[in-house]
Amino acid sequence: METVIATRWIMACYVDDVPENGGSCIKHGDEQIAIFNFTRRNEWYATQNLCPHKQQMAISRGMIGSTGENCEPKVACPFHKKTFSLLSGECIGDEDLSIKTYPVKITDGKVFIGIA
């Protein structure tokens, strides 16, 4: 599990570029970053796009939802159904897998991602 501490903010896209209650993907350098507009929660999240289970760039196309007593936000890989916390990046289940998460802020209709 790795949560990125923002040392600088990059403009990733516009709010309108990300579907409501869905995800989109941007490329920053050599990395693909999944951005989620969790409209039902009025929250935004960003993670790596690479699913660590089968090494496919697919997380941005996954289904988002909430789980557990605390209604933790999650995303499920569309191919393998591995589910990850959008807060910590940890796999929700028995597997020792995780994804990188990034801080997100919205300013003037623009989506910014915190990069280390």
PDB file of N, CA and C in Angstrom:
ATOM      1  N   MET A   1       0.851  -1.172   0.000  1.00  0.00           N
ATOM      2  CA  MET A   1       0.000   0.000   0.000  1.00  0.00           C
ATOM      3  C   MET A   1       0.896   1.234   0.000  1.00  0.00           C
ATOM      4  N   GLU A   2       0.607   2.153  -0.906  1.00  0.00           N
ATOM      5  CA  GLU A   2       1.350   3.405  -0.957  1.00  0.00           C
ATOM      6  C   GLU A   2       0.379   4.537  -1.230  1.00  0.00           C
ATOM      7  N   THR A   3       0.331   5.464  -0.292  1.00  0.00           N
ATOM      8  CA  THR A   3      -0.463   6.667  -0.488  1.00  0.00           C
ATOM      9  C   THR A   3       0.511   7.783  -0.783  1.00  0.00           C
ATOM     10  N   VAL A   4       0.343   8.426  -1.903  1.00  0.00           N
ATOM     11  CA  VAL A   4       1.249   9.485  -2.320  1.00  0.00           C
ATOM     12  C   VAL A   4       0.972  10.743  -1.506  1.00  0.00           C
ATOM     13  N   ILE A   5       2.022  11.322  -0.962  1.00  0.00           N
ATOM     14  CA  ILE A   5       1.940  12.612  -0.290  1.00  0.00           C
ATOM     15  C   ILE A   5       2.276  13.661  -1.350  1.00  0.00           C
ATOM     16  N   ALA A   6       1.347  14.578  -1.560  1.00  0.00           N
ATOM     17  CA  ALA A   6       1.519  15.555  -2.648  1.00  0.00           C
ATOM     18  C   ALA A   6       2.651  16.527  -2.343  1.00  0.00           C
ATOM     19  N   THR A   7       3.594  16.605  -3.256  1.00  0.00           N
ATOM     20  CA  THR A   7       4.613  17.648  -3.184  1.00  0.00           C
ATOM     21  C   THR A   7       4.356  18.707  -4.244  1.00  0.00           C
ATOM     22  N   ARG A   8       3.573  18.306  -5.265  1.00  0.00           N
ATOM     23  CA  ARG A   8       3.133  19.268  -6.276  1.00  0.00           C
ATOM     24  C   ARG A   8       1.836  18.759  -6.878  1.00  0.00           C
ATOM     25  N   TRP A   9       1.072  19.681  -7.405  1.00  0.00           N
ATOM     26  CA  TRP A   9      -0.224  19.351  -7.989  1.00  0.00           C
ATOM     27  C   TRP A   9      -0.163  19.538  -9.500  1.00  0.00           C
ATOM     28  N   ILE A  10      -0.685  18.557 -10.223  1.00  0.00           N
ATOM     29  CA  ILE A  10      -0.759  18.667 -11.679  1.00  0.00           C
ATOM     30  C   ILE A  10      -2.236  18.719 -12.073  1.00  0.00           C
ATOM     31  N   MET A  11      -2.524  19.503 -13.101  1.00  0.00           N
ATOM     32  CA  MET A  11      -3.882  19.495 -13.620  1.00  0.00           C
ATOM     33  C   MET A  11      -4.024  18.244 -14.478  1.00  0.00           C
ATOM     34  N   ALA A  12      -4.961  17.392 -14.099  1.00  0.00           N
ATOM     35  CA  ALA A  12      -5.143  16.124 -14.789  1.00  0.00           C
ATOM     36  C   ALA A  12      -6.158  16.230 -15.918  1.00  0.00           C
ATOM     37  N   CYS A  13      -7.277  16.940 -15.651  1.00  0.00           N
ATOM     38  CA  CYS A  13      -8.357  17.041 -16.626  1.00  0.00           C
ATOM     39  C   CYS A  13      -9.389  18.027 -16.102  1.00  0.00           C
ATOM     40  N   TYR A  14     -10.484  18.130 -16.819  1.00  0.00           N
ATOM     41  CA  TYR A  14     -11.611  18.933 -16.355  1.00  0.00           C
ATOM     42  C   TYR A  14     -12.637  18.016 -15.693  1.00  0.00           C
ATOM     43  N   VAL A  15     -13.400  18.567 -14.771  1.00  0.00           N
ATOM     44  CA  VAL A  15     -14.439  17.801 -14.083  1.00  0.00           C
ATOM     45  C   VAL A  15     -15.346  17.095 -15.088  1.00  0.00           C
ATOM     46  N   ASP A  16     -15.710  17.779 -16.155  1.00  0.00           N
ATOM     47  CA  ASP A  16     -16.617  17.213 -17.161  1.00  0.00           C
ATOM     48  C   ASP A  16     -16.012  16.056 -17.951  1.00  0.00           C
ATOM     49  N   ASP A  17     -14.695  15.838 -17.830  1.00  0.00           N
ATOM     50  CA  ASP A  17     -14.033  14.753 -18.550  1.00  0.00           C
ATOM     51  C   ASP A  17     -14.236  13.397 -17.880  1.00  0.00           C
ATOM     52  N   VAL A  18     -14.690  13.403 -16.623  1.00  0.00           N
ATOM     53  CA  VAL A  18     -14.838  12.160 -15.862  1.00  0.00           C
ATOM     54  C   VAL A  18     -16.329  11.900 -15.649  1.00  0.00           C
ATOM     55  N   PRO A  19     -16.807  10.725 -16.064  1.00  0.00           N
ATOM     56  CA  PRO A  19     -18.246  10.456 -15.931  1.00  0.00           C
ATOM     57  C   PRO A  19     -18.686  10.398 -14.468  1.00  0.00           C
ATOM     58  N   GLU A  20     -19.919  10.812 -14.221  1.00  0.00           N
ATOM     59  CA  GLU A  20     -20.473  10.710 -12.871  1.00  0.00           C
ATOM     60  C   GLU A  20     -20.513   9.248 -12.447  1.00  0.00           C
ATOM     61  N   ASN A  21     -20.087   9.000 -11.193  1.00  0.00           N
ATOM     62  CA  ASN A  21     -20.049   7.650 -10.628  1.00  0.00           C
ATOM     63  C   ASN A  21     -19.259   6.684 -11.503  1.00  0.00           C
ATOM     64  N   GLY A  22     -18.179   7.198 -12.078  1.00  0.00           N
ATOM     65  CA  GLY A  22     -17.318   6.388 -12.931  1.00  0.00           C
ATOM     66  C   GLY A  22     -15.897   6.894 -12.912  1.00  0.00           C
ATOM     67  N   GLY A  23     -15.103   6.327 -13.797  1.00  0.00           N
ATOM     68  CA  GLY A  23     -13.691   6.669 -13.843  1.00  0.00           C
ATOM     69  C   GLY A  23     -13.214   7.028 -15.226  1.00  0.00           C
ATOM     70  N   SER A  24     -12.007   7.596 -15.245  1.00  0.00           N
ATOM     71  CA  SER A  24     -11.330   7.969 -16.469  1.00  0.00           C
ATOM     72  C   SER A  24      -9.844   7.781 -16.210  1.00  0.00           C
ATOM     73  N   CYS A  25      -9.044   7.856 -17.236  1.00  0.00           N
ATOM     74  CA  CYS A  25      -7.613   7.622 -17.075  1.00  0.00           C
ATOM     75  C   CYS A  25      -6.814   8.735 -17.733  1.00  0.00           C
ATOM     76  N   ILE A  26      -5.724   9.127 -17.079  1.00  0.00           N
ATOM     77  CA  ILE A  26      -4.783  10.061 -17.687  1.00  0.00           C
ATOM     78  C   ILE A  26      -3.404   9.414 -17.670  1.00  0.00           C
ATOM     79  N   LYS A  27      -2.521   9.937 -18.487  1.00  0.00           N
ATOM     80  CA  LYS A  27      -1.132   9.485 -18.474  1.00  0.00           C
ATOM     81  C   LYS A  27      -0.282  10.638 -17.969  1.00  0.00           C
ATOM     82  N   HIS A  28       0.567  10.345 -16.996  1.00  0.00           N
ATOM     83  CA  HIS A  28       1.505  11.329 -16.463  1.00  0.00           C
ATOM     84  C   HIS A  28       2.885  10.683 -16.465  1.00  0.00           C
ATOM     85  N   GLY A  29       3.743  11.146 -17.358  1.00  0.00           N
ATOM     86  CA  GLY A  29       5.049  10.505 -17.504  1.00  0.00           C
ATOM     87  C   GLY A  29       4.853   9.075 -17.961  1.00  0.00           C
ATOM     88  N   ASP A  30       5.418   8.137 -17.216  1.00  0.00           N
ATOM     89  CA  ASP A  30       5.274   6.719 -17.545  1.00  0.00           C
ATOM     90  C   ASP A  30       4.102   6.063 -16.821  1.00  0.00           C
ATOM     91  N   GLU A  31       3.380   6.822 -16.016  1.00  0.00           N
ATOM     92  CA  GLU A  31       2.294   6.253 -15.225  1.00  0.00           C
ATOM     93  C   GLU A  31       0.924   6.548 -15.811  1.00  0.00           C
ATOM     94  N   GLN A  32       0.024   5.605 -15.659  1.00  0.00           N
ATOM     95  CA  GLN A  32      -1.392   5.829 -15.948  1.00  0.00           C
ATOM     96  C   GLN A  32      -2.094   5.972 -14.601  1.00  0.00           C
ATOM     97  N   ILE A  33      -2.892   7.032 -14.476  1.00  0.00           N
ATOM     98  CA  ILE A  33      -3.593   7.322 -13.229  1.00  0.00           C
ATOM     99  C   ILE A  33      -5.093   7.290 -13.495  1.00  0.00           C
ATOM    100  N   ALA A  34      -5.806   6.502 -12.680  1.00  0.00           N
ATOM    101  CA  ALA A  34      -7.264   6.411 -12.760  1.00  0.00           C
ATOM    102  C   ALA A  34      -7.858   7.494 -11.867  1.00  0.00           C
ATOM    103  N   ILE A  35      -8.849   8.213 -12.378  1.00  0.00           N
ATOM    104  CA  ILE A  35      -9.529   9.277 -11.627  1.00  0.00           C
ATOM    105  C   ILE A  35     -11.000   8.902 -11.533  1.00  0.00           C
ATOM    106  N   PHE A  36     -11.554   8.999 -10.326  1.00  0.00           N
ATOM    107  CA  PHE A  36     -12.939   8.608 -10.096  1.00  0.00           C
ATOM    108  C   PHE A  36     -13.754   9.772  -9.559  1.00  0.00           C
ATOM    109  N   ASN A  37     -14.911   9.985 -10.183  1.00  0.00           N
ATOM    110  CA  ASN A  37     -15.878  10.986  -9.756  1.00  0.00           C
ATOM    111  C   ASN A  37     -17.011  10.232  -9.065  1.00  0.00           C
ATOM    112  N   PHE A  38     -16.902  10.079  -7.754  1.00  0.00           N
ATOM    113  CA  PHE A  38     -17.878   9.313  -6.984  1.00  0.00           C
ATOM    114  C   PHE A  38     -18.995  10.266  -6.581  1.00  0.00           C
ATOM    115  N   THR A  39     -19.855  10.574  -7.552  1.00  0.00           N
ATOM    116  CA  THR A  39     -20.899  11.574  -7.399  1.00  0.00           C
ATOM    117  C   THR A  39     -21.844  11.251  -6.242  1.00  0.00           C
ATOM    118  N   ARG A  40     -22.179   9.982  -6.076  1.00  0.00           N
ATOM    119  CA  ARG A  40     -23.102   9.594  -4.997  1.00  0.00           C
ATOM    120  C   ARG A  40     -22.555   9.979  -3.627  1.00  0.00           C
ATOM    121  N   ARG A  41     -21.240  10.077  -3.498  1.00  0.00           N
ATOM    122  CA  ARG A  41     -20.604  10.453  -2.230  1.00  0.00           C
ATOM    123  C   ARG A  41     -20.113  11.902  -2.260  1.00  0.00           C
ATOM    124  N   ASN A  42     -20.206  12.536  -3.428  1.00  0.00           N
ATOM    125  CA  ASN A  42     -19.660  13.882  -3.619  1.00  0.00           C
ATOM    126  C   ASN A  42     -18.158  13.901  -3.297  1.00  0.00           C
ATOM    127  N   GLU A  43     -17.434  12.874  -3.806  1.00  0.00           N
ATOM    128  CA  GLU A  43     -16.001  12.734  -3.540  1.00  0.00           C
ATOM    129  C   GLU A  43     -15.262  12.343  -4.815  1.00  0.00           C
ATOM    130  N   TRP A  44     -13.975  12.668  -4.844  1.00  0.00           N
ATOM    131  CA  TRP A  44     -13.087  12.330  -5.955  1.00  0.00           C
ATOM    132  C   TRP A  44     -11.930  11.496  -5.426  1.00  0.00           C
ATOM    133  N   TYR A  45     -11.451  10.555  -6.251  1.00  0.00           N
ATOM    134  CA  TYR A  45     -10.334   9.690  -5.873  1.00  0.00           C
ATOM    135  C   TYR A  45      -9.425   9.502  -7.088  1.00  0.00           C
ATOM    136  N   ALA A  46      -8.172   9.141  -6.807  1.00  0.00           N
ATOM    137  CA  ALA A  46      -7.228   8.800  -7.877  1.00  0.00           C
ATOM    138  C   ALA A  46      -6.346   7.644  -7.405  1.00  0.00           C
ATOM    139  N   THR A  47      -6.094   6.716  -8.325  1.00  0.00           N
ATOM    140  CA  THR A  47      -5.252   5.555  -8.030  1.00  0.00           C
ATOM    141  C   THR A  47      -4.412   5.239  -9.257  1.00  0.00           C
ATOM    142  N   GLN A  48      -3.479   4.325  -9.086  1.00  0.00           N
ATOM    143  CA  GLN A  48      -2.795   3.808 -10.272  1.00  0.00           C
ATOM    144  C   GLN A  48      -3.827   3.090 -11.114  1.00  0.00           C
ATOM    145  N   ASN A  49      -3.614   3.024 -12.411  1.00  0.00           N
ATOM    146  CA  ASN A  49      -4.549   2.348 -13.302  1.00  0.00           C
ATOM    147  C   ASN A  49      -4.207   0.869 -13.466  1.00  0.00           C
ATOM    148  N   LEU A  50      -3.015   0.486 -13.098  1.00  0.00           N
ATOM    149  CA  LEU A  50      -2.549  -0.888 -13.268  1.00  0.00           C
ATOM    150  C   LEU A  50      -3.123  -1.791 -12.182  1.00  0.00           C
ATOM    151  N   CYS A  51      -3.854  -2.827 -12.575  1.00  0.00           N
ATOM    152  CA  CYS A  51      -4.328  -3.817 -11.618  1.00  0.00           C
ATOM    153  C   CYS A  51      -3.150  -4.739 -11.287  1.00  0.00           C
ATOM    154  N   PRO A  52      -2.775  -4.854 -10.009  1.00  0.00           N
ATOM    155  CA  PRO A  52      -1.615  -5.671  -9.659  1.00  0.00           C
ATOM    156  C   PRO A  52      -1.859  -7.171  -9.771  1.00  0.00           C
ATOM    157  N   HIS A  53      -3.107  -7.571  -9.934  1.00  0.00           N
ATOM    158  CA  HIS A  53      -3.433  -9.001  -9.996  1.00  0.00           C
ATOM    159  C   HIS A  53      -2.918  -9.636 -11.280  1.00  0.00           C
ATOM    160  N   LYS A  54      -3.303  -9.078 -12.417  1.00  0.00           N
ATOM    161  CA  LYS A  54      -2.877  -9.627 -13.717  1.00  0.00           C
ATOM    162  C   LYS A  54      -2.109  -8.613 -14.563  1.00  0.00           C
ATOM    163  N   GLN A  55      -1.693  -7.505 -13.939  1.00  0.00           N
ATOM    164  CA  GLN A  55      -0.869  -6.496 -14.614  1.00  0.00           C
ATOM    165  C   GLN A  55      -1.545  -5.910 -15.845  1.00  0.00           C
ATOM    166  N   GLN A  56      -2.837  -5.572 -15.724  1.00  0.00           N
ATOM    167  CA  GLN A  56      -3.556  -4.940 -16.828  1.00  0.00           C
ATOM    168  C   GLN A  56      -3.966  -3.521 -16.436  1.00  0.00           C
ATOM    169  N   MET A  57      -3.919  -2.607 -17.407  1.00  0.00           N
ATOM    170  CA  MET A  57      -4.344  -1.220 -17.198  1.00  0.00           C
ATOM    171  C   MET A  57      -5.864  -1.171 -17.287  1.00  0.00           C
ATOM    172  N   ALA A  58      -6.527  -1.348 -16.138  1.00  0.00           N
ATOM    173  CA  ALA A  58      -7.976  -1.515 -16.183  1.00  0.00           C
ATOM    174  C   ALA A  58      -8.731  -0.865 -15.029  1.00  0.00           C
ATOM    175  N   ILE A  59      -8.067  -0.421 -14.008  1.00  0.00           N
ATOM    176  CA  ILE A  59      -8.755   0.054 -12.803  1.00  0.00           C
ATOM    177  C   ILE A  59      -9.731   1.194 -13.115  1.00  0.00           C
ATOM    178  N   SER A  60      -9.382   2.094 -14.028  1.00  0.00           N
ATOM    179  CA  SER A  60     -10.247   3.243 -14.333  1.00  0.00           C
ATOM    180  C   SER A  60     -11.599   2.810 -14.898  1.00  0.00           C
ATOM    181  N   ARG A  61     -11.680   1.592 -15.432  1.00  0.00           N
ATOM    182  CA  ARG A  61     -12.929   1.080 -15.994  1.00  0.00           C
ATOM    183  C   ARG A  61     -13.704   0.225 -15.000  1.00  0.00           C
ATOM    184  N   GLY A  62     -13.216   0.175 -13.763  1.00  0.00           N
ATOM    185  CA  GLY A  62     -13.856  -0.645 -12.745  1.00  0.00           C
ATOM    186  C   GLY A  62     -15.113  -0.014 -12.173  1.00  0.00           C
ATOM    187  N   MET A  63     -15.866  -0.822 -11.453  1.00  0.00           N
ATOM    188  CA  MET A  63     -17.090  -0.354 -10.796  1.00  0.00           C
ATOM    189  C   MET A  63     -16.733   0.185  -9.417  1.00  0.00           C
ATOM    190  N   ILE A  64     -17.286   1.369  -9.089  1.00  0.00           N
ATOM    191  CA  ILE A  64     -17.057   1.938  -7.771  1.00  0.00           C
ATOM    192  C   ILE A  64     -18.294   1.740  -6.909  1.00  0.00           C
ATOM    193  N   GLY A  65     -18.056   1.690  -5.604  1.00  0.00           N
ATOM    194  CA  GLY A  65     -19.142   1.505  -4.652  1.00  0.00           C
ATOM    195  C   GLY A  65     -18.612   1.682  -3.245  1.00  0.00           C
ATOM    196  N   SER A  66     -19.380   1.216  -2.274  1.00  0.00           N
ATOM    197  CA  SER A  66     -18.995   1.311  -0.866  1.00  0.00           C
ATOM    198  C   SER A  66     -19.130  -0.059  -0.238  1.00  0.00           C
ATOM    199  N   THR A  67     -18.335  -0.300   0.820  1.00  0.00           N
ATOM    200  CA  THR A  67     -18.356  -1.606   1.470  1.00  0.00           C
ATOM    201  C   THR A  67     -18.176  -1.470   2.977  1.00  0.00           C
ATOM    202  N   GLY A  68     -18.659  -2.443   3.698  1.00  0.00           N
ATOM    203  CA  GLY A  68     -18.432  -2.548   5.132  1.00  0.00           C
ATOM    204  C   GLY A  68     -19.278  -1.607   5.964  1.00  0.00           C
ATOM    205  N   GLU A  69     -19.097  -1.727   7.272  1.00  0.00           N
ATOM    206  CA  GLU A  69     -19.844  -0.914   8.229  1.00  0.00           C
ATOM    207  C   GLU A  69     -19.574   0.576   8.067  1.00  0.00           C
ATOM    208  N   ASN A  70     -18.349   0.914   7.673  1.00  0.00           N
ATOM    209  CA  ASN A  70     -17.971   2.321   7.514  1.00  0.00           C
ATOM    210  C   ASN A  70     -18.227   2.854   6.118  1.00  0.00           C
ATOM    211  N   CYS A  71     -18.844   2.028   5.254  1.00  0.00           N
ATOM    212  CA  CYS A  71     -19.124   2.416   3.866  1.00  0.00           C
ATOM    213  C   CYS A  71     -17.873   2.937   3.168  1.00  0.00           C
ATOM    214  N   GLU A  72     -16.790   2.177   3.275  1.00  0.00           N
ATOM    215  CA  GLU A  72     -15.523   2.569   2.660  1.00  0.00           C
ATOM    216  C   GLU A  72     -15.647   2.558   1.139  1.00  0.00           C
ATOM    217  N   PRO A  73     -15.185   3.630   0.461  1.00  0.00           N
ATOM    218  CA  PRO A  73     -15.244   3.659  -1.001  1.00  0.00           C
ATOM    219  C   PRO A  73     -14.281   2.631  -1.598  1.00  0.00           C
ATOM    220  N   LYS A  74     -14.729   1.972  -2.681  1.00  0.00           N
ATOM    221  CA  LYS A  74     -13.921   0.916  -3.279  1.00  0.00           C
ATOM    222  C   LYS A  74     -14.064   0.931  -4.790  1.00  0.00           C
ATOM    223  N   VAL A  75     -13.133   0.258  -5.451  1.00  0.00           N
ATOM    224  CA  VAL A  75     -13.206   0.035  -6.892  1.00  0.00           C
ATOM    225  C   VAL A  75     -12.876  -1.432  -7.146  1.00  0.00           C
ATOM    226  N   ALA A  76     -13.602  -2.042  -8.089  1.00  0.00           N
ATOM    227  CA  ALA A  76     -13.362  -3.435  -8.463  1.00  0.00           C
ATOM    228  C   ALA A  76     -12.817  -3.479  -9.880  1.00  0.00           C
ATOM    229  N   CYS A  77     -11.741  -4.214 -10.072  1.00  0.00           N
ATOM    230  CA  CYS A  77     -11.180  -4.395 -11.412  1.00  0.00           C
ATOM    231  C   CYS A  77     -12.246  -5.014 -12.306  1.00  0.00           C
ATOM    232  N   PRO A  78     -12.457  -4.466 -13.500  1.00  0.00           N
ATOM    233  CA  PRO A  78     -13.523  -4.989 -14.363  1.00  0.00           C
ATOM    234  C   PRO A  78     -13.251  -6.390 -14.907  1.00  0.00           C
ATOM    235  N   PHE A  79     -12.004  -6.818 -14.908  1.00  0.00           N
ATOM    236  CA  PHE A  79     -11.676  -8.132 -15.457  1.00  0.00           C
ATOM    237  C   PHE A  79     -11.647  -9.237 -14.414  1.00  0.00           C
ATOM    238  N   HIS A  80     -11.057  -8.936 -13.236  1.00  0.00           N
ATOM    239  CA  HIS A  80     -10.789  -9.998 -12.276  1.00  0.00           C
ATOM    240  C   HIS A  80     -11.555  -9.833 -10.972  1.00  0.00           C
ATOM    241  N   LYS A  81     -12.301  -8.727 -10.857  1.00  0.00           N
ATOM    242  CA  LYS A  81     -13.143  -8.456  -9.686  1.00  0.00           C
ATOM    243  C   LYS A  81     -12.355  -8.295  -8.387  1.00  0.00           C
ATOM    244  N   LYS A  82     -11.050  -8.095  -8.459  1.00  0.00           N
ATOM    245  CA  LYS A  82     -10.289  -7.765  -7.252  1.00  0.00           C
ATOM    246  C   LYS A  82     -10.736  -6.376  -6.831  1.00  0.00           C
ATOM    247  N   THR A  83     -11.003  -6.191  -5.550  1.00  0.00           N
ATOM    248  CA  THR A  83     -11.566  -4.948  -5.048  1.00  0.00           C
ATOM    249  C   THR A  83     -10.554  -4.240  -4.170  1.00  0.00           C
ATOM    250  N   PHE A  84     -10.411  -2.909  -4.368  1.00  0.00           N
ATOM    251  CA  PHE A  84      -9.421  -2.116  -3.650  1.00  0.00           C
ATOM    252  C   PHE A  84     -10.077  -0.909  -2.991  1.00  0.00           C
ATOM    253  N   SER A  85      -9.575  -0.558  -1.814  1.00  0.00           N
ATOM    254  CA  SER A  85     -10.031   0.645  -1.128  1.00  0.00           C
ATOM    255  C   SER A  85      -9.566   1.868  -1.910  1.00  0.00           C
ATOM    256  N   LEU A  86     -10.465   2.815  -2.142  1.00  0.00           N
ATOM    257  CA  LEU A  86     -10.068   4.065  -2.799  1.00  0.00           C
ATOM    258  C   LEU A  86      -9.368   5.003  -1.820  1.00  0.00           C
ATOM    259  N   LEU A  87      -9.433   4.695  -0.522  1.00  0.00           N
ATOM    260  CA  LEU A  87      -8.752   5.510   0.487  1.00  0.00           C
ATOM    261  C   LEU A  87      -7.307   5.058   0.692  1.00  0.00           C
ATOM    262  N   SER A  88      -7.112   3.767   0.942  1.00  0.00           N
ATOM    263  CA  SER A  88      -5.778   3.257   1.285  1.00  0.00           C
ATOM    264  C   SER A  88      -5.096   2.520   0.146  1.00  0.00           C
ATOM    265  N   GLY A  89      -5.868   2.032  -0.822  1.00  0.00           N
ATOM    266  CA  GLY A  89      -5.313   1.236  -1.908  1.00  0.00           C
ATOM    267  C   GLY A  89      -5.215  -0.243  -1.591  1.00  0.00           C
ATOM    268  N   GLU A  90      -5.532  -0.633  -0.350  1.00  0.00           N
ATOM    269  CA  GLU A  90      -5.419  -2.037   0.039  1.00  0.00           C
ATOM    270  C   GLU A  90      -6.492  -2.878  -0.625  1.00  0.00           C
ATOM    271  N   CYS A  91      -6.140  -4.133  -0.927  1.00  0.00           N
ATOM    272  CA  CYS A  91      -7.093  -5.082  -1.486  1.00  0.00           C
ATOM    273  C   CYS A  91      -8.098  -5.430  -0.390  1.00  0.00           C
ATOM    274  N   ILE A  92      -9.376  -5.387  -0.737  1.00  0.00           N
ATOM    275  CA  ILE A  92     -10.423  -5.748   0.208  1.00  0.00           C
ATOM    276  C   ILE A  92     -10.689  -7.232   0.004  1.00  0.00           C
ATOM    277  N   GLY A  93     -10.202  -8.030   0.908  1.00  0.00           N
ATOM    278  CA  GLY A  93     -10.277  -9.481   0.790  1.00  0.00           C
ATOM    279  C   GLY A  93      -9.027 -10.078   1.406  1.00  0.00           C
ATOM    280  N   ASP A  94      -8.708 -11.265   0.983  1.00  0.00           N
ATOM    281  CA  ASP A  94      -7.610 -12.012   1.604  1.00  0.00           C
ATOM    282  C   ASP A  94      -6.256 -11.787   0.942  1.00  0.00           C
ATOM    283  N   GLU A  95      -6.237 -11.192  -0.227  1.00  0.00           N
ATOM    284  CA  GLU A  95      -4.985 -11.132  -0.974  1.00  0.00           C
ATOM    285  C   GLU A  95      -4.080  -9.994  -0.527  1.00  0.00           C
ATOM    286  N   ASP A  96      -2.789 -10.216  -0.662  1.00  0.00           N
ATOM    287  CA  ASP A  96      -1.795  -9.221  -0.292  1.00  0.00           C
ATOM    288  C   ASP A  96      -1.441  -8.370  -1.516  1.00  0.00           C
ATOM    289  N   LEU A  97      -2.447  -7.679  -2.044  1.00  0.00           N
ATOM    290  CA  LEU A  97      -2.268  -6.797  -3.184  1.00  0.00           C
ATOM    291  C   LEU A  97      -2.655  -5.387  -2.758  1.00  0.00           C
ATOM    292  N   SER A  98      -2.117  -4.394  -3.441  1.00  0.00           N
ATOM    293  CA  SER A  98      -2.527  -3.016  -3.174  1.00  0.00           C
ATOM    294  C   SER A  98      -2.244  -2.164  -4.403  1.00  0.00           C
ATOM    295  N   ILE A  99      -2.885  -0.996  -4.435  1.00  0.00           N
ATOM    296  CA  ILE A  99      -2.658  -0.033  -5.501  1.00  0.00           C
ATOM    297  C   ILE A  99      -2.279   1.305  -4.879  1.00  0.00           C
ATOM    298  N   LYS A 100      -1.558   2.085  -5.628  1.00  0.00           N
ATOM    299  CA  LYS A 100      -1.140   3.419  -5.188  1.00  0.00           C
ATOM    300  C   LYS A 100      -2.333   4.363  -5.259  1.00  0.00           C
ATOM    301  N   THR A 101      -2.480   5.211  -4.250  1.00  0.00           N
ATOM    302  CA  THR A 101      -3.534   6.227  -4.263  1.00  0.00           C
ATOM    303  C   THR A 101      -2.913   7.621  -4.266  1.00  0.00           C
ATOM    304  N   TYR A 102      -3.646   8.567  -4.824  1.00  0.00           N
ATOM    305  CA  TYR A 102      -3.177   9.953  -4.946  1.00  0.00           C
ATOM    306  C   TYR A 102      -4.223  10.903  -4.372  1.00  0.00           C
ATOM    307  N   PRO A 103      -3.790  12.007  -3.770  1.00  0.00           N
ATOM    308  CA  PRO A 103      -4.762  13.022  -3.348  1.00  0.00           C
ATOM    309  C   PRO A 103      -5.337  13.748  -4.562  1.00  0.00           C
ATOM    310  N   VAL A 104      -6.583  14.190  -4.428  1.00  0.00           N
ATOM    311  CA  VAL A 104      -7.281  14.892  -5.514  1.00  0.00           C
ATOM    312  C   VAL A 104      -7.885  16.159  -4.942  1.00  0.00           C
ATOM    313  N   LYS A 105      -7.818  17.231  -5.726  1.00  0.00           N
ATOM    314  CA  LYS A 105      -8.558  18.443  -5.372  1.00  0.00           C
ATOM    315  C   LYS A 105      -9.188  19.005  -6.638  1.00  0.00           C
ATOM    316  N   ILE A 106     -10.324  19.657  -6.442  1.00  0.00           N
ATOM    317  CA  ILE A 106     -11.076  20.249  -7.544  1.00  0.00           C
ATOM    318  C   ILE A 106     -11.048  21.762  -7.356  1.00  0.00           C
ATOM    319  N   THR A 107     -10.610  22.487  -8.403  1.00  0.00           N
ATOM    320  CA  THR A 107     -10.554  23.945  -8.362  1.00  0.00           C
ATOM    321  C   THR A 107     -11.030  24.490  -9.700  1.00  0.00           C
ATOM    322  N   ASP A 108     -12.042  25.348  -9.645  1.00  0.00           N
ATOM    323  CA  ASP A 108     -12.547  26.006 -10.854  1.00  0.00           C
ATOM    324  C   ASP A 108     -12.854  25.035 -11.993  1.00  0.00           C
ATOM    325  N   GLY A 109     -13.480  23.912 -11.662  1.00  0.00           N
ATOM    326  CA  GLY A 109     -13.871  22.953 -12.698  1.00  0.00           C
ATOM    327  C   GLY A 109     -12.730  22.106 -13.223  1.00  0.00           C
ATOM    328  N   LYS A 110     -11.571  22.154 -12.572  1.00  0.00           N
ATOM    329  CA  LYS A 110     -10.409  21.379 -12.985  1.00  0.00           C
ATOM    330  C   LYS A 110     -10.066  20.356 -11.908  1.00  0.00           C
ATOM    331  N   VAL A 111      -9.594  19.178 -12.339  1.00  0.00           N
ATOM    332  CA  VAL A 111      -9.192  18.113 -11.435  1.00  0.00           C
ATOM    333  C   VAL A 111      -7.676  18.134 -11.322  1.00  0.00           C
ATOM    334  N   PHE A 112      -7.180  18.244 -10.088  1.00  0.00           N
ATOM    335  CA  PHE A 112      -5.748  18.237  -9.816  1.00  0.00           C
ATOM    336  C   PHE A 112      -5.386  16.982  -9.027  1.00  0.00           C
ATOM    337  N   ILE A 113      -4.260  16.378  -9.392  1.00  0.00           N
ATOM    338  CA  ILE A 113      -3.749  15.186  -8.707  1.00  0.00           C
ATOM    339  C   ILE A 113      -2.446  15.563  -8.021  1.00  0.00           C
ATOM    340  N   GLY A 114      -2.301  15.123  -6.780  1.00  0.00           N
ATOM    341  CA  GLY A 114      -1.059  15.350  -6.033  1.00  0.00           C
ATOM    342  C   GLY A 114      -0.022  14.314  -6.393  1.00  0.00           C
ATOM    343  N   ILE A 115       1.115  14.775  -6.845  1.00  0.00           N
ATOM    344  CA  ILE A 115       2.210  13.910  -7.286  1.00  0.00           C
ATOM    345  C   ILE A 115       3.405  14.108  -6.355  1.00  0.00           C
ATOM    346  N   ALA A 116       4.082  13.020  -6.035  1.00  0.00           N
ATOM    347  CA  ALA A 116       5.261  13.101  -5.161  1.00  0.00           C
ATOM    348  C   ALA A 116       6.460  13.625  -5.935  1.00  0.00           C
TER     349      ALA A 116
END
